[in-house]
Amino acid sequence: MITVLDYGIGNPRSVIRMLEATGIEAVQASSNESLRMSDRIIIPGVGSFDSCIKALNESGLRGTLDEMVMEHKVPVLGICLGAQIMGNSSEEGIESGLRWIDMKSMRIRNVGLPVPHMSWETVTFCNHYFETLRPSLKFYFSHSFTITPENPATIAASFQYGDEYAAVVQQGHLVAAQFHPEKSHRYGRLFLQWFNTL
């Protein structure tokens, strides 16, 4: 069963609706007991980096989440800001991230292009990742900062918005997606089906 983390940030119900539309069983978790029942975990996030990580730290779920992800190796998917907090830090704030993946979030600096970036983009998946997905799919983005891993080999998918950016970073059972699969219609369903096989 997939657990969608509810720590007061983002809209876990929209992710659950998309999972249910895909035929995947999912529940919303706002307690340590429900989190411990997870086979897979999705972390949504909306707002600013500092407010997001503070809300998670104050939720009482941080210790159990770290245990499930880092000790029990439960697969986890971070979505947009939920992906960014999986890294070390962000140019947006001063708080430390979860530090699960060696990456940071960098501000989009393309001159002449709108920021925040809010549009559909073609995402190109690397050949050695996501064998069940097509090489290129379209996903919906809404963000001003982008996930930037220290090790380029962990970039599983990329997109162009002036410059090239990471769309998905994968490190073993940890997956950080800068786009919103829950807003990406059939492409999002394909991506969530893939995550459900990890």
Protein backbone atom coordinates (compact mmCIF):
# COMPACT_ATOMS: atom_id res chain seq x y z
CA MET A 1 0.00 0.00 0.00
CA ILE A 2 1.16 3.52 -0.82
CA THR A 3 1.02 6.04 2.00
CA VAL A 4 0.70 9.73 1.13
CA LEU A 5 2.25 11.76 3.92
CA ASP A 6 -0.05 14.34 5.51
CA TYR A 7 2.01 16.84 7.51
CA GLY A 8 -0.10 19.94 6.87
CA ILE A 9 1.67 21.01 3.66
CA GLY A 10 0.37 20.37 0.16
CA ASN A 11 -2.73 18.49 -0.88
CA PRO A 12 -2.36 14.77 -0.16
CA ARG A 13 -5.96 14.12 -1.26
CA SER A 14 -5.20 15.13 -4.85
CA VAL A 15 -2.34 12.60 -4.95
CA ILE A 16 -4.58 9.91 -3.46
CA ARG A 17 -7.31 10.62 -6.03
CA MET A 18 -4.81 10.18 -8.85
CA LEU A 19 -3.49 6.94 -7.34
CA GLU A 20 -7.04 5.60 -6.98
CA ALA A 21 -7.81 6.58 -10.58
CA THR A 22 -4.74 4.54 -11.55
CA GLY A 23 -6.03 1.53 -9.61
CA ILE A 24 -3.46 1.82 -6.83
CA GLU A 25 -4.52 1.48 -3.20
CA ALA A 26 -3.46 4.48 -1.15
CA VAL A 27 -4.08 6.01 2.27
CA GLN A 28 -3.34 9.35 3.88
CA ALA A 29 -0.93 9.16 6.84
CA SER A 30 -0.85 11.76 9.60
CA SER A 31 0.25 9.43 12.43
CA ASN A 32 3.33 7.36 13.13
CA GLU A 33 1.15 4.23 13.33
CA SER A 34 -0.20 4.65 9.79
CA LEU A 35 3.24 5.59 8.48
CA ARG A 36 4.70 2.33 9.82
CA MET A 37 2.21 0.36 7.68
CA SER A 38 3.65 1.80 4.46
CA ASP A 39 4.97 -0.29 1.60
CA ARG A 40 5.77 2.93 -0.28
CA ILE A 41 5.62 6.58 0.73
CA ILE A 42 4.81 9.72 -1.25
CA ILE A 43 5.76 13.15 0.11
CA PRO A 44 3.83 16.07 -1.42
CA GLY A 45 4.75 19.67 -0.77
CA VAL A 46 3.58 23.19 -1.60
CA GLY A 47 4.91 26.56 -0.48
CA SER A 48 8.43 27.46 0.65
CA PHE A 49 11.31 25.16 1.54
CA ASP A 50 11.67 26.39 5.12
CA SER A 51 7.95 26.23 5.92
CA CYS A 52 7.77 22.74 4.44
CA ILE A 53 10.65 21.26 6.42
CA LYS A 54 9.51 23.03 9.60
CA ALA A 55 6.01 21.60 9.22
CA LEU A 56 7.45 18.11 8.80
CA ASN A 57 9.73 18.52 11.83
CA GLU A 58 6.83 19.78 13.95
CA SER A 59 4.43 17.05 12.82
CA GLY A 60 6.00 14.39 15.02
CA LEU A 61 6.49 12.19 11.95
CA ARG A 62 10.12 12.97 11.15
CA GLY A 63 11.69 10.22 13.26
CA THR A 64 9.41 7.47 11.95
CA LEU A 65 9.82 8.73 8.40
CA ASP A 66 13.61 8.62 8.64
CA GLU A 67 13.39 5.12 10.13
CA MET A 68 11.09 3.79 7.39
CA VAL A 69 13.10 5.33 4.57
CA MET A 70 16.69 4.99 5.72
CA GLU A 71 16.58 1.83 7.88
CA HIS A 72 13.77 -0.22 6.32
CA LYS A 73 14.49 1.09 2.78
CA VAL A 74 10.83 1.74 2.00
CA PRO A 75 10.61 3.33 -1.48
CA VAL A 76 9.76 7.02 -1.30
CA LEU A 77 8.66 9.52 -3.95
CA GLY A 78 8.95 13.24 -3.29
CA ILE A 79 6.81 15.51 -5.47
CA CYS A 80 7.91 19.08 -6.31
CA LEU A 81 8.72 20.74 -2.96
CA GLY A 82 8.43 17.28 -1.39
CA ALA A 83 11.28 16.29 -3.72
CA GLN A 84 13.35 19.35 -2.84
CA ILE A 85 13.29 18.67 0.91
CA MET A 86 14.78 15.22 0.28
CA GLY A 87 18.07 16.98 -0.43
CA ASN A 88 20.52 18.91 1.75
CA SER A 89 19.37 22.49 1.36
CA SER A 90 17.77 25.09 -0.88
CA GLU A 91 18.71 28.56 -2.09
CA GLU A 92 15.17 29.49 -1.07
CA GLY A 93 15.80 29.19 2.68
CA ILE A 94 18.17 28.48 5.54
CA GLU A 95 16.78 25.23 6.93
CA SER A 96 18.48 21.86 6.37
CA GLY A 97 16.63 19.29 4.29
CA LEU A 98 16.15 15.61 5.04
CA ARG A 99 19.61 14.88 3.58
CA TRP A 100 18.52 11.58 2.06
CA ILE A 101 19.94 12.51 -1.36
CA ASP A 102 23.10 14.55 -1.89
CA MET A 103 21.45 17.42 -3.76
CA LYS A 104 20.31 20.99 -3.29
CA SER A 105 17.58 23.13 -4.82
CA MET A 106 18.72 25.97 -7.05
CA ARG A 107 16.77 28.98 -8.27
CA ILE A 108 15.76 29.01 -11.96
CA ARG A 109 17.96 31.67 -13.53
CA ASN A 110 16.87 31.71 -17.17
CA VAL A 111 16.80 35.32 -18.34
CA GLY A 112 13.61 36.27 -20.17
CA LEU A 113 11.56 33.21 -19.14
CA PRO A 114 8.74 33.44 -16.59
CA VAL A 115 9.44 32.35 -13.02
CA PRO A 116 7.73 30.55 -11.43
CA HIS A 117 7.80 28.03 -14.24
CA MET A 118 4.23 26.79 -14.66
CA SER A 119 3.67 24.71 -17.79
CA TRP A 120 3.72 21.30 -19.42
CA GLU A 121 7.15 20.13 -20.53
CA THR A 122 8.53 17.12 -22.34
CA VAL A 123 10.55 14.99 -19.93
CA THR A 124 13.25 12.75 -21.37
CA PHE A 125 14.06 9.64 -19.35
CA CYS A 126 17.57 8.20 -19.37
CA ASN A 127 17.90 4.86 -21.13
CA HIS A 128 18.93 2.96 -17.98
CA TYR A 129 15.91 4.16 -15.96
CA PHE A 130 12.20 3.55 -16.22
CA GLU A 131 12.31 0.74 -18.75
CA THR A 132 8.50 0.55 -18.64
CA LEU A 133 8.09 4.19 -19.70
CA ARG A 134 8.49 5.74 -23.10
CA PRO A 135 11.66 7.78 -23.68
CA SER A 136 9.74 11.08 -23.54
CA LEU A 137 6.50 12.02 -21.76
CA LYS A 138 4.85 15.35 -20.88
CA PHE A 139 4.42 16.42 -17.27
CA TYR A 140 3.11 19.49 -15.50
CA PHE A 141 5.57 21.73 -13.61
CA SER A 142 4.94 24.53 -11.11
CA HIS A 143 8.12 25.72 -9.39
CA SER A 144 10.79 28.41 -9.02
CA PHE A 145 13.60 26.12 -7.80
CA THR A 146 14.99 22.92 -9.29
CA ILE A 147 16.53 19.78 -7.79
CA THR A 148 20.28 19.68 -8.50
CA PRO A 149 22.16 16.53 -7.43
CA GLU A 150 25.87 16.50 -6.71
CA ASN A 151 26.22 13.28 -8.72
CA PRO A 152 24.90 13.76 -12.29
CA ALA A 153 24.60 9.97 -12.64
CA THR A 154 21.56 10.10 -10.33
CA ILE A 155 19.62 12.23 -12.84
CA ALA A 156 17.03 9.81 -14.17
CA ALA A 157 15.12 12.29 -16.35
CA SER A 158 15.56 15.85 -17.57
CA PHE A 159 13.63 18.70 -19.19
CA GLN A 160 14.42 21.92 -21.03
CA TYR A 161 13.34 25.34 -19.83
CA GLY A 162 15.95 27.48 -21.51
CA ASP A 163 18.67 25.44 -19.81
CA GLU A 164 18.45 21.72 -19.10
CA TYR A 165 17.34 20.72 -15.60
CA ALA A 166 16.79 17.50 -13.67
CA ALA A 167 13.17 16.37 -13.73
CA VAL A 168 13.74 13.18 -11.72
CA VAL A 169 16.60 12.22 -9.44
CA GLN A 170 16.79 8.59 -8.33
CA GLN A 171 19.14 7.12 -5.75
CA GLY A 172 18.18 3.51 -5.15
CA HIS A 173 14.76 3.45 -3.48
CA LEU A 174 14.63 7.26 -3.29
CA VAL A 175 12.89 9.12 -6.12
CA ALA A 176 12.59 12.92 -6.33
CA ALA A 177 10.30 14.28 -9.08
CA GLN A 178 10.25 18.02 -9.78
CA PHE A 179 6.99 17.77 -11.75
CA HIS A 180 3.49 16.96 -10.47
CA PRO A 181 2.41 13.46 -11.56
CA GLU A 182 -0.97 13.98 -9.86
CA LYS A 183 -1.64 16.86 -12.32
CA SER A 184 -0.19 15.16 -15.39
CA HIS A 185 -3.13 13.02 -16.53
CA ARG A 186 -2.21 9.79 -18.34
CA TYR A 187 1.51 10.54 -18.14
CA GLY A 188 1.25 10.95 -14.39
CA ARG A 189 -0.60 7.65 -14.12
CA LEU A 190 2.20 5.89 -16.01
CA PHE A 191 4.79 7.38 -13.68
CA LEU A 192 2.87 6.42 -10.54
CA GLN A 193 2.39 2.89 -11.90
CA TRP A 194 6.16 2.69 -12.33
CA PHE A 195 6.74 3.90 -8.75
CA ASN A 196 4.33 1.24 -7.51
CA THR A 197 6.68 -1.43 -8.89
CA LEU A 198 9.74 -0.27 -6.90
